[in-house]
C-alpha atoms as a PDB file:
ATOM      1  CA  MET A   1      50.009 167.814  61.500  1.00  0.00           C
ATOM      2  CA  LEU A   2      54.010 168.790  61.252  1.00  0.00           C
ATOM      3  CA  HIS A   3      54.851 172.106  62.777  1.00  0.00           C
ATOM      4  CA  ILE A   4      57.591 173.697  61.776  1.00  0.00           C
ATOM      5  CA  LEU A   5      59.417 177.149  62.786  1.00  0.00           C
ATOM      6  CA  VAL A   6      61.295 178.747  59.787  1.00  0.00           C
ATOM      7  CA  ILE A   7      63.633 181.396  61.426  1.00  0.00           C
ATOM      8  CA  ASP A   8      64.743 183.910  58.510  1.00  0.00           C
ATOM      9  CA  ASP A   9      64.564 187.513  58.440  1.00  0.00           C
ATOM     10  CA  ASN A  10      64.975 187.187  54.434  1.00  0.00           C
ATOM     11  CA  PRO A  11      61.620 187.061  52.957  1.00  0.00           C
ATOM     12  CA  THR A  12      62.609 185.693  49.767  1.00  0.00           C
ATOM     13  CA  ASP A  13      64.927 182.850  51.602  1.00  0.00           C
ATOM     14  CA  ARG A  14      61.502 181.969  54.141  1.00  0.00           C
ATOM     15  CA  LEU A  15      59.608 181.581  50.656  1.00  0.00           C
ATOM     16  CA  LEU A  16      61.779 179.283  48.724  1.00  0.00           C
ATOM     17  CA  VAL A  17      61.915 177.240  52.349  1.00  0.00           C
ATOM     18  CA  LYS A  18      58.401 176.741  52.637  1.00  0.00           C
ATOM     19  CA  ARG A  19      57.929 175.998  48.785  1.00  0.00           C
ATOM     20  CA  GLU A  20      60.207 173.233  49.138  1.00  0.00           C
ATOM     21  CA  LEU A  21      58.623 171.792  52.326  1.00  0.00           C
ATOM     22  CA  ASP A  22      55.096 172.150  50.969  1.00  0.00           C
ATOM     23  CA  ARG A  23      56.466 169.937  48.046  1.00  0.00           C
ATOM     24  CA  GLN A  24      57.712 167.475  50.320  1.00  0.00           C
ATOM     25  CA  PHE A  25      55.258 167.298  53.406  1.00  0.00           C
ATOM     26  CA  SER A  26      51.468 166.898  53.703  1.00  0.00           C
ATOM     27  CA  GLN A  27      49.527 168.219  56.498  1.00  0.00           C
ATOM     28  CA  LEU A  28      52.243 171.109  57.267  1.00  0.00           C
ATOM     29  CA  GLN A  29      52.143 174.049  59.147  1.00  0.00           C
ATOM     30  CA  ILE A  30      54.942 176.633  59.011  1.00  0.00           C
ATOM     31  CA  THR A  31      55.357 179.559  61.455  1.00  0.00           C
ATOM     32  CA  GLU A  32      57.945 182.320  59.938  1.00  0.00           C
ATOM     33  CA  ILE A  33      60.021 183.805  62.711  1.00  0.00           C
ATOM     34  CA  PHE A  34      61.679 187.180  61.538  1.00  0.00           C
ATOM     35  CA  ASP A  35      61.880 189.367  64.754  1.00  0.00           C
ATOM     36  CA  ASP A  36      62.521 188.668  68.502  1.00  0.00           C
ATOM     37  CA  ARG A  37      58.765 189.302  69.075  1.00  0.00           C
ATOM     38  CA  LEU A  38      57.618 186.487  67.006  1.00  0.00           C
ATOM     39  CA  PHE A  39      60.316 184.289  68.123  1.00  0.00           C
ATOM     40  CA  GLY A  40      59.739 185.129  72.039  1.00  0.00           C
ATOM     41  CA  GLU A  41      55.756 184.377  70.633  1.00  0.00           C
ATOM     42  CA  ALA A  42      56.525 180.996  69.502  1.00  0.00           C
ATOM     43  CA  LEU A  43      58.499 179.925  72.304  1.00  0.00           C
ATOM     44  CA  ASN A  44      55.614 180.687  74.704  1.00  0.00           C
ATOM     45  CA  ARG A  45      53.403 178.870  72.518  1.00  0.00           C
ATOM     46  CA  GLY A  46      55.712 175.865  71.696  1.00  0.00           C
ATOM     47  CA  GLY A  47      54.051 172.857  69.979  1.00  0.00           C
ATOM     48  CA  PHE A  48      56.617 172.811  66.911  1.00  0.00           C
ATOM     49  CA  HIS A  49      57.829 169.778  65.874  1.00  0.00           C
ATOM     50  CA  LEU A  50      61.242 170.885  64.348  1.00  0.00           C
ATOM     51  CA  VAL A  51      63.212 174.039  63.754  1.00  0.00           C
ATOM     52  CA  ILE A  52      65.108 175.696  60.463  1.00  0.00           C
ATOM     53  CA  THR A  53      66.960 178.679  61.426  1.00  0.00           C
ATOM     54  CA  ASP A  54      69.039 181.136  59.764  1.00  0.00           C
ATOM     55  CA  TYR A  55      72.776 181.979  61.418  1.00  0.00           C
ATOM     56  CA  GLN A  56      72.876 185.527  60.131  1.00  0.00           C
ATOM     57  CA  LEU A  57      69.982 187.271  61.877  1.00  0.00           C
ATOM     58  CA  ARG A  58      68.992 191.050  62.477  1.00  0.00           C
ATOM     59  CA  TRP A  59      68.431 190.660  65.918  1.00  0.00           C
ATOM     60  CA  THR A  60      70.692 187.587  67.011  1.00  0.00           C
ATOM     61  CA  ASN A  61      72.252 184.622  65.607  1.00  0.00           C
ATOM     62  CA  GLY A  62      71.923 181.007  64.791  1.00  0.00           C
ATOM     63  CA  LEU A  63      73.928 180.141  67.908  1.00  0.00           C
ATOM     64  CA  ASP A  64      71.921 182.081  69.873  1.00  0.00           C
ATOM     65  CA  VAL A  65      68.687 180.946  68.826  1.00  0.00           C
ATOM     66  CA  LEU A  66      69.827 177.008  69.291  1.00  0.00           C
ATOM     67  CA  LYS A  67      70.748 177.617  73.019  1.00  0.00           C
ATOM     68  CA  THR A  68      67.222 179.534  73.584  1.00  0.00           C
ATOM     69  CA  ILE A  69      65.280 176.839  72.034  1.00  0.00           C
ATOM     70  CA  LYS A  70      66.967 173.822  73.669  1.00  0.00           C
ATOM     71  CA  ALA A  71      67.058 175.463  76.923  1.00  0.00           C
ATOM     72  CA  SER A  72      63.255 175.651  76.628  1.00  0.00           C
ATOM     73  CA  TYR A  73      62.995 172.590  74.351  1.00  0.00           C
ATOM     74  CA  PRO A  74      65.854 169.908  74.549  1.00  0.00           C
ATOM     75  CA  GLU A  75      64.150 167.378  72.636  1.00  0.00           C
ATOM     76  CA  CYS A  76      63.197 169.740  69.875  1.00  0.00           C
ATOM     77  CA  PRO A  77      65.489 168.976  66.367  1.00  0.00           C
ATOM     78  CA  ILE A  78      67.203 172.127  64.701  1.00  0.00           C
ATOM     79  CA  VAL A  79      68.616 172.548  61.580  1.00  0.00           C
ATOM     80  CA  MET A  80      71.010 175.649  60.581  1.00  0.00           C
ATOM     81  CA  PHE A  81      70.108 176.547  56.824  1.00  0.00           C
ATOM     82  CA  THR A  82      72.559 179.420  56.214  1.00  0.00           C
ATOM     83  CA  ASN A  83      75.181 181.166  53.990  1.00  0.00           C
ATOM     84  CA  THR A  84      77.172 182.895  56.434  1.00  0.00           C
ATOM     85  CA  GLY A  85      78.271 180.456  58.836  1.00  0.00           C
ATOM     86  CA  ASN A  86      81.781 178.521  58.633  1.00  0.00           C
ATOM     87  CA  GLU A  87      82.767 175.349  59.583  1.00  0.00           C
ATOM     88  CA  GLU A  88      84.101 176.733  63.508  1.00  0.00           C
ATOM     89  CA  ILE A  89      80.255 177.588  63.861  1.00  0.00           C
ATOM     90  CA  ALA A  90      78.785 174.267  62.425  1.00  0.00           C
ATOM     91  CA  VAL A  91      81.158 172.310  65.233  1.00  0.00           C
ATOM     92  CA  GLU A  92      80.177 174.804  67.810  1.00  0.00           C
ATOM     93  CA  ALA A  93      76.853 174.638  67.151  1.00  0.00           C
ATOM     94  CA  MET A  94      76.736 170.717  67.045  1.00  0.00           C
ATOM     95  CA  LYS A  95      78.300 170.811  70.055  1.00  0.00           C
ATOM     96  CA  SER A  96      75.204 172.534  71.283  1.00  0.00           C
ATOM     97  CA  GLY A  97      72.469 170.322  70.204  1.00  0.00           C
ATOM     98  CA  LEU A  98      72.283 171.028  66.725  1.00  0.00           C
ATOM     99  CA  ASP A  99      70.765 167.942  64.532  1.00  0.00           C
ATOM    100  CA  ASP A 100      72.435 169.166  60.981  1.00  0.00           C
ATOM    101  CA  TYR A 101      74.086 172.143  59.055  1.00  0.00           C
ATOM    102  CA  ILE A 102      73.202 172.909  55.255  1.00  0.00           C
ATOM    103  CA  ILE A 103      74.722 175.559  53.256  1.00  0.00           C
ATOM    104  CA  LYS A 104      71.994 177.875  51.995  1.00  0.00           C
ATOM    105  CA  SER A 105      72.418 177.798  48.049  1.00  0.00           C
ATOM    106  CA  PRO A 106      69.977 177.354  45.315  1.00  0.00           C
ATOM    107  CA  LYS A 107      71.526 173.548  44.712  1.00  0.00           C
ATOM    108  CA  HIS A 108      70.684 172.655  48.568  1.00  0.00           C
ATOM    109  CA  TYR A 109      67.096 173.505  48.775  1.00  0.00           C
ATOM    110  CA  VAL A 110      66.205 169.547  47.996  1.00  0.00           C
ATOM    111  CA  ARG A 111      68.757 168.580  50.189  1.00  0.00           C
ATOM    112  CA  LEU A 112      67.202 170.624  53.043  1.00  0.00           C
ATOM    113  CA  CYS A 113      63.659 168.740  52.789  1.00  0.00           C
ATOM    114  CA  VAL A 114      65.820 165.399  52.781  1.00  0.00           C
ATOM    115  CA  THR A 115      67.242 166.527  55.687  1.00  0.00           C
ATOM    116  CA  VAL A 116      64.479 167.232  57.649  1.00  0.00           C
ATOM    117  CA  ARG A 117      62.816 164.114  57.154  1.00  0.00           C
ATOM    118  CA  ALA A 118      65.887 162.124  58.053  1.00  0.00           C
ATOM    119  CA  VAL A 119      66.126 164.234  61.499  1.00  0.00           C
ATOM    120  CA  LEU A 120      62.429 163.785  61.936  1.00  0.00           C
ATOM    121  CA  ASP A 121      62.946 160.069  61.357  1.00  0.00           C
ATOM    122  CA  ARG A 122      65.917 159.817  63.569  1.00  0.00           C
ATOM    123  CA  VAL A 123      63.900 161.881  66.275  1.00  0.00           C
ATOM    124  CA  ALA A 124      61.053 159.529  65.809  1.00  0.00           C
ATOM    125  CA  ALA A 125      63.089 156.445  66.223  1.00  0.00           C
ATOM    126  CA  TRP A 126      65.365 158.131  69.261  1.00  0.00           C
ATOM    127  CA  GLU A 127      61.815 158.149  70.875  1.00  0.00           C
ATOM    128  CA  ARG A 128      60.821 155.019  70.062  1.00  0.00           C
ATOM    129  CA  VAL A 129      63.712 153.864  72.096  1.00  0.00           C
ATOM    130  CA  ALA A 130      62.953 156.084  74.728  1.00  0.00           C
ATOM    131  CA  ARG A 131      59.571 154.781  75.062  1.00  0.00           C
ATOM    132  CA  LEU A 132      60.990 150.710  75.071  1.00  0.00           C
ATOM    133  CA  GLU A 133      63.521 152.171  78.029  1.00  0.00           C
ATOM    134  CA  ASN A 134      61.045 153.723  80.117  1.00  0.00           C
ATOM    135  CA  GLN A 135      58.902 150.494  79.741  1.00  0.00           C
ATOM    136  CA  LEU A 136      61.810 148.131  80.578  1.00  0.00           C
ATOM    137  CA  HIS A 137      62.569 150.394  83.345  1.00  0.00           C
ATOM    138  CA  SER A 138      58.963 150.446  84.619  1.00  0.00           C
ATOM    139  CA  LEU A 139      58.402 146.907  83.969  1.00  0.00           C
ATOM    140  CA  LEU A 140      62.107 145.982  86.210  1.00  0.00           C
ATOM    141  CA  GLU A 141      60.884 148.304  88.924  1.00  0.00           C
ATOM    142  CA  HIS A 142      57.445 146.367  89.462  1.00  0.00           C
ATOM    143  CA  LEU A 143      59.108 143.181  89.476  1.00  0.00           C
ATOM    144  CA  ASN A 144      60.390 141.704  92.454  1.00  0.00           C
ATOM    145  CA  VAL A 145      63.857 141.061  90.196  1.00  0.00           C
ATOM    146  CA  GLY A 146      66.784 143.170  91.253  1.00  0.00           C
ATOM    147  CA  VAL A 147      69.006 144.137  88.320  1.00  0.00           C
ATOM    148  CA  PHE A 148      72.535 145.786  88.877  1.00  0.00           C
ATOM    149  CA  ARG A 149      75.607 146.701  87.226  1.00  0.00           C
ATOM    150  CA  ALA A 150      79.033 146.132  88.452  1.00  0.00           C
ATOM    151  CA  THR A 151      82.860 146.871  87.603  1.00  0.00           C
ATOM    152  CA  SER A 152      84.465 143.749  86.916  1.00  0.00           C
ATOM    153  CA  GLU A 153      86.405 144.197  90.347  1.00  0.00           C
ATOM    154  CA  GLY A 154      83.045 144.107  91.927  1.00  0.00           C
ATOM    155  CA  GLN A 155      82.520 147.968  92.738  1.00  0.00           C
ATOM    156  CA  LEU A 156      78.534 148.467  92.318  1.00  0.00           C
ATOM    157  CA  LEU A 157      77.754 151.000  90.339  1.00  0.00           C
ATOM    158  CA  GLU A 158      73.567 151.140  89.948  1.00  0.00           C
ATOM    159  CA  SER A 159      70.726 148.734  90.420  1.00  0.00           C
ATOM    160  CA  ASN A 160      66.860 149.552  90.325  1.00  0.00           C
ATOM    161  CA  GLN A 161      65.069 149.559  93.696  1.00  0.00           C
ATOM    162  CA  ALA A 162      64.001 145.512  93.537  1.00  0.00           C
ATOM    163  CA  PHE A 163      67.556 145.089  94.112  1.00  0.00           C
ATOM    164  CA  LEU A 164      67.898 147.025  97.357  1.00  0.00           C
ATOM    165  CA  ARG A 165      64.598 145.864  98.454  1.00  0.00           C
ATOM    166  CA  LEU A 166      65.524 142.170  98.334  1.00  0.00           C
ATOM    167  CA  PHE A 167      68.665 143.049 101.040  1.00  0.00           C
ATOM    168  CA  ASP A 168      66.106 145.890 102.942  1.00  0.00           C
ATOM    169  CA  ALA A 169      68.822 148.511 101.738  1.00  0.00           C
ATOM    170  CA  SER A 170      68.666 152.137 100.678  1.00  0.00           C
ATOM    171  CA  ASN A 171      71.403 152.660  99.073  1.00  0.00           C
ATOM    172  CA  LEU A 172      74.249 150.617  97.037  1.00  0.00           C
ATOM    173  CA  ALA A 173      76.708 150.757  99.305  1.00  0.00           C
ATOM    174  CA  ASP A 174      74.641 148.989 102.246  1.00  0.00           C
ATOM    175  CA  VAL A 175      74.416 146.078  99.620  1.00  0.00           C
ATOM    176  CA  GLN A 176      78.461 146.461  98.629  1.00  0.00           C
ATOM    177  CA  GLY A 177      79.830 144.478 101.619  1.00  0.00           C
ATOM    178  CA  ILE A 178      77.538 141.592 101.231  1.00  0.00           C
ATOM    179  CA  TYR A 179      77.806 141.592  97.340  1.00  0.00           C
ATOM    180  CA  LEU A 180      81.268 141.116  97.706  1.00  0.00           C
ATOM    181  CA  GLN A 181      81.263 138.467 100.359  1.00  0.00           C
ATOM    182  CA  LYS A 182      78.598 136.265  99.038  1.00  0.00           C
ATOM    183  CA  LEU A 183      77.854 137.095  95.619  1.00  0.00           C
ATOM    184  CA  PHE A 184      81.079 138.405  93.796  1.00  0.00           C
ATOM    185  CA  VAL A 185      82.993 135.858  91.786  1.00  0.00           C
ATOM    186  CA  GLN A 186      86.272 137.218  90.347  1.00  0.00           C
ATOM    187  CA  PRO A 187      86.233 136.903  86.613  1.00  0.00           C
ATOM    188  CA  LEU A 188      88.514 135.402  83.826  1.00  0.00           C
ATOM    189  CA  ASP A 189      91.509 137.071  83.049  1.00  0.00           C
ATOM    190  CA  SER A 190      90.590 136.581  79.340  1.00  0.00           C
ATOM    191  CA  GLY A 191      87.793 138.700  79.526  1.00  0.00           C
ATOM    192  CA  GLU A 192      85.358 135.905  77.483  1.00  0.00           C
ATOM    193  CA  SER A 193      81.623 136.730  78.631  1.00  0.00           C
ATOM    194  CA  ARG A 194      80.505 134.364  80.919  1.00  0.00           C
ATOM    195  CA  SER A 195      77.518 133.619  83.382  1.00  0.00           C
ATOM    196  CA  GLN A 196      77.448 131.933  86.613  1.00  0.00           C
ATOM    197  CA  ASN A 197      74.236 131.215  88.995  1.00  0.00           C
ATOM    198  CA  ILE A 198      74.293 130.474  92.672  1.00  0.00           C
ATOM    199  CA  GLU A 199      71.982 130.476  95.102  1.00  0.00           C
ATOM    200  CA  ILE A 200      73.016 131.991  98.852  1.00  0.00           C
ATOM    201  CA  THR A 201      70.807 132.438 102.571  1.00  0.00           C
ATOM    202  CA  PHE A 202      70.682 135.954 103.596  1.00  0.00           C
ATOM    203  CA  PRO A 203      69.592 136.353 107.115  1.00  0.00           C
ATOM    204  CA  LEU A 204      67.395 138.872 108.128  1.00  0.00           C
ATOM    205  CA  PRO A 205      67.651 141.220 111.083  1.00  0.00           C
ATOM    206  CA  ASP A 206      64.356 139.525 112.462  1.00  0.00           C
ATOM    207  CA  GLY A 207      66.030 136.207 112.339  1.00  0.00           C
ATOM    208  CA  ARG A 208      64.123 134.671 109.504  1.00  0.00           C
ATOM    209  CA  VAL A 209      66.359 133.387 106.311  1.00  0.00           C
ATOM    210  CA  LYS A 210      65.436 134.997 103.005  1.00  0.00           C
ATOM    211  CA  TRP A 211      67.223 132.413  99.934  1.00  0.00           C
ATOM    212  CA  ILE A 212      68.568 134.699  97.159  1.00  0.00           C
ATOM    213  CA  ARG A 213      69.472 133.166  93.569  1.00  0.00           C
ATOM    214  CA  PHE A 214      71.827 135.332  91.791  1.00  0.00           C
ATOM    215  CA  THR A 215      72.734 135.333  88.125  1.00  0.00           C
ATOM    216  CA  GLN A 216      75.765 137.568  86.799  1.00  0.00           C
ATOM    217  CA  TYR A 217      77.338 138.179  83.526  1.00  0.00           C
ATOM    218  CA  LEU A 218      80.683 138.692  82.354  1.00  0.00           C
ATOM    219  CA  TYR A 219      80.184 141.273  79.893  1.00  0.00           C
ATOM    220  CA  SER A 220      83.524 142.588  77.845  1.00  0.00           C
ATOM    221  CA  ALA A 221      83.516 145.354  75.167  1.00  0.00           C
ATOM    222  CA  GLU A 222      86.131 147.527  73.539  1.00  0.00           C
ATOM    223  CA  GLY A 223      88.592 146.549  76.357  1.00  0.00           C
ATOM    224  CA  GLU A 224      86.435 147.001  78.859  1.00  0.00           C
ATOM    225  CA  SER A 225      84.530 144.550  81.308  1.00  0.00           C
ATOM    226  CA  THR A 226      81.335 144.938  83.351  1.00  0.00           C
ATOM    227  CA  ILE A 227      79.146 142.720  85.508  1.00  0.00           C
ATOM    228  CA  GLU A 228      75.493 142.948  84.936  1.00  0.00           C
ATOM    229  CA  GLY A 229      73.281 140.623  87.348  1.00  0.00           C
ATOM    230  CA  LEU A 230      69.832 139.737  88.095  1.00  0.00           C
ATOM    231  CA  VAL A 231      68.814 138.712  91.864  1.00  0.00           C
ATOM    232  CA  GLU A 232      65.763 136.959  92.819  1.00  0.00           C
ATOM    233  CA  ASP A 233      63.914 136.157  95.966  1.00  0.00           C
ATOM    234  CA  ILE A 234      63.216 132.298  96.128  1.00  0.00           C
ATOM    235  CA  THR A 235      62.205 132.042  99.818  1.00  0.00           C
ATOM    236  CA  GLU A 236      58.786 131.050  98.731  1.00  0.00           C
ATOM    237  CA  LEU A 237      60.296 128.278  96.488  1.00  0.00           C
ATOM    238  CA  LYS A 238      62.476 126.984  99.061  1.00  0.00           C
ATOM    239  CA  GLN A 239      60.134 126.741 101.781  1.00  0.00           C
ATOM    240  CA  ALA A 240      57.837 124.477  98.734  1.00  0.00           C
ATOM    241  CA  GLU A 241      60.682 122.601  97.992  1.00  0.00           C
ATOM    242  CA  LEU A 242      61.322 121.627 102.088  1.00  0.00           C
ATOM    243  CA  ALA A 243      57.554 121.180 102.888  1.00  0.00           C
ATOM    244  CA  LEU A 244      57.748 118.659 100.018  1.00  0.00           C
ATOM    245  CA  ARG A 245      60.770 117.110 101.061  1.00  0.00           C
ATOM    246  CA  GLU A 246      59.469 116.657 104.175  1.00  0.00           C
ATOM    247  CA  PHE A 247      55.838 115.443 103.116  1.00  0.00           C
ATOM    248  CA  ASN A 248      58.035 112.695 101.140  1.00  0.00           C
ATOM    249  CA  GLU A 249      59.903 111.824 103.799  1.00  0.00           C
ATOM    250  CA  THR A 250      56.767 111.275 105.973  1.00  0.00           C
ATOM    251  CA  LEU A 251      55.085 109.409 103.288  1.00  0.00           C
ATOM    252  CA  GLU A 252      57.899 107.166 103.146  1.00  0.00           C
ATOM    253  CA  GLU A 253      57.420 106.129 106.703  1.00  0.00           C
ATOM    254  CA  ARG A 254      53.719 105.981 106.500  1.00  0.00           C
ATOM    255  CA  VAL A 255      54.170 103.541 103.536  1.00  0.00           C
ATOM    256  CA  ARG A 256      56.688 101.293 105.684  1.00  0.00           C
ATOM    257  CA  GLU A 257      54.322 101.398 108.546  1.00  0.00           C
ATOM    258  CA  ARG A 258      51.597 100.552 106.681  1.00  0.00           C
ATOM    259  CA  THR A 259      53.521  97.617 104.856  1.00  0.00           C
ATOM    260  CA  ALA A 260      54.511  96.248 108.477  1.00  0.00           C
ATOM    261  CA  GLU A 261      50.833  96.502 109.370  1.00  0.00           C
ATOM    262  CA  LEU A 262      49.708  94.625 106.111  1.00  0.00           C
ATOM    263  CA  GLU A 263      52.001  91.978 106.682  1.00  0.00           C
ATOM    264  CA  GLU A 264      50.702  91.283 109.867  1.00  0.00           C
ATOM    265  CA  VAL A 265      47.238  90.870 109.044  1.00  0.00           C
ATOM    266  CA  ASN A 266      48.731  88.505 106.339  1.00  0.00           C
ATOM    267  CA  ALA A 267      50.310  86.496 109.092  1.00  0.00           C
ATOM    268  CA  GLN A 268      47.174  86.230 111.165  1.00  0.00           C
ATOM    269  CA  LEU A 269      45.355  85.604 108.718  1.00  0.00           C
ATOM    270  CA  GLU A 270      47.743  82.588 107.332  1.00  0.00           C
ATOM    271  CA  SER A 271      47.617  81.740 110.930  1.00  0.00           C
ATOM    272  CA  PHE A 272      43.918  81.546 110.959  1.00  0.00           C
ATOM    273  CA  THR A 273      43.531  79.866 107.697  1.00  0.00           C
ATOM    274  CA  TYR A 274      45.748  76.799 109.032  1.00  0.00           C
ATOM    275  CA  SER A 275      43.966  76.525 112.244  1.00  0.00           C
ATOM    276  CA  VAL A 276      40.554  76.210 110.326  1.00  0.00           C
ATOM    277  CA  SER A 277      42.203  73.796 108.213  1.00  0.00           C
ATOM    278  CA  HIS A 278      43.633  71.835 110.477  1.00  0.00           C
ATOM    279  CA  ASP A 279      40.446  71.547 112.592  1.00  0.00           C
ATOM    280  CA  LEU A 280      38.334  70.324 109.835  1.00  0.00           C
ATOM    281  CA  ARG A 281      40.298  67.943 108.433  1.00  0.00           C
ATOM    282  CA  ALA A 282      40.052  65.956 111.332  1.00  0.00           C
ATOM    283  CA  PRO A 283      36.068  65.478 111.284  1.00  0.00           C
ATOM    284  CA  LEU A 284      36.615  65.249 107.041  1.00  0.00           C
ATOM    285  CA  ARG A 285      38.659  61.998 107.553  1.00  0.00           C
ATOM    286  CA  GLY A 286      36.033  60.594 110.110  1.00  0.00           C
ATOM    287  CA  ILE A 287      33.233  61.059 107.119  1.00  0.00           C
ATOM    288  CA  SER A 288      35.188  59.765 104.760  1.00  0.00           C
ATOM    289  CA  PHE A 289      36.260  56.446 106.903  1.00  0.00           C
ATOM    290  CA  PHE A 290      32.814  55.815 108.269  1.00  0.00           C
ATOM    291  CA  ALA A 291      31.106  56.176 104.399  1.00  0.00           C
ATOM    292  CA  GLU A 292      34.253  53.341 103.376  1.00  0.00           C
ATOM    293  CA  MET A 293      32.993  51.216 106.318  1.00  0.00           C
ATOM    294  CA  LEU A 294      29.366  51.494 105.138  1.00  0.00           C
ATOM    295  CA  LEU A 295      30.004  50.633 101.726  1.00  0.00           C
ATOM    296  CA  LYS A 296      32.749  47.834 102.725  1.00  0.00           C
ATOM    297  CA  ASP A 297      30.285  45.923 105.174  1.00  0.00           C
ATOM    298  CA  LYS A 298      26.722  46.920 104.256  1.00  0.00           C
ATOM    299  CA  ALA A 299      26.838  47.509 100.731  1.00  0.00           C
ATOM    300  CA  SER A 300      24.924  44.224 100.007  1.00  0.00           C
ATOM    301  CA  GLU A 301      22.262  45.152 102.160  1.00  0.00           C
ATOM    302  CA  LEU A 302      21.975  48.981 100.394  1.00  0.00           C
ATOM    303  CA  GLU A 303      19.984  49.908  97.567  1.00  0.00           C
ATOM    304  CA  ALA A 304      21.926  51.549  94.968  1.00  0.00           C
ATOM    305  CA  THR A 305      20.734  55.268  95.671  1.00  0.00           C
ATOM    306  CA  ALA A 306      22.062  54.723  98.948  1.00  0.00           C
ATOM    307  CA  GLN A 307      25.247  53.345  97.994  1.00  0.00           C
ATOM    308  CA  ASP A 308      25.636  56.339  95.432  1.00  0.00           C
ATOM    309  CA  TYR A 309      25.161  58.821  98.254  1.00  0.00           C
ATOM    310  CA  LEU A 310      28.032  57.134 100.339  1.00  0.00           C
ATOM    311  CA  TYR A 311      30.336  56.887  97.433  1.00  0.00           C
ATOM    312  CA  ARG A 312      29.422  60.748  96.954  1.00  0.00           C
ATOM    313  CA  ILE A 313      29.968  61.395 100.522  1.00  0.00           C
ATOM    314  CA  LYS A 314      33.272  59.681 100.392  1.00  0.00           C
ATOM    315  CA  ASP A 315      34.762  61.641  97.385  1.00  0.00           C
ATOM    316  CA  ALA A 316      33.696  64.824  98.857  1.00  0.00           C
ATOM    317  CA  ALA A 317      35.212  64.213 102.287  1.00  0.00           C
ATOM    318  CA  SER A 318      38.392  63.082 100.264  1.00  0.00           C
ATOM    319  CA  LEU A 319      38.575  65.938  98.085  1.00  0.00           C
ATOM    320  CA  MET A 320      38.090  68.771 100.751  1.00  0.00           C
ATOM    321  CA  ASN A 321      40.686  66.646 103.187  1.00  0.00           C
ATOM    322  CA  SER A 322      43.113  67.372  99.843  1.00  0.00           C
ATOM    323  CA  TRP A 323      43.110  71.088  99.907  1.00  0.00           C
END
């Protein structure tokens, strides 16, 4: 439910304001304030979403009301609806946090509701932006990614905690020298936006080395240039790349060794095959020779079946000798 404080010591004006608000807003709660006691009680209770105040009041004025409310509820929107103010008061009120200033007259009562709705929408939009900024800030703080901003000359301006943790630092001054020596790149004089990615090694006090990926963006707007950047610890990635490279080198060496072993085995196999082939050829030639002699000298004395066997022996020996 929308809760609005209406601060005005004129009951007729309060009634007119209530009537206009009731026409435009549903589920509305209006608390009327017309003296100092009610004002103090409302401040103590809180829970209101917007304040509409007159400037000229019997016990105080609208500027004091504005400052008192802002002191306790700095985000509460306030609209001044009066016919006793002037431009000087309106300017001072705006500087003190007033959201809008409306001249009180019959024709402006309709404008009051339009203004209230616009102010509430604007506050809601600011709250959404604030929530998104808080969520982004929380995300950046929980991620192990450093975020920073610096001047175009390399002076660090701000960062998140992850940025400091990556350098084992407690404040930006501890990182400033490292940034200028290893990370900062002088931007172009033209002021054109550009980005750069580099990877550096950062020695730790215990002797270990940390790998850091650094990305910076040169941002120019309205004649001013700033550098916004990201810093990420990639030590584990680099260690994995080194281990993979060493594994590949070892694998290549093992492949070369195994290839040499296979070539040696093949050579031995060829030598063995040649030896076996050579040792078998002499008996085969003998078998073929004697079969041929039997067929030549004793063929007339052999039956047809015996002759056929001899021919088969001779052909088989010749065939095996040709391999």
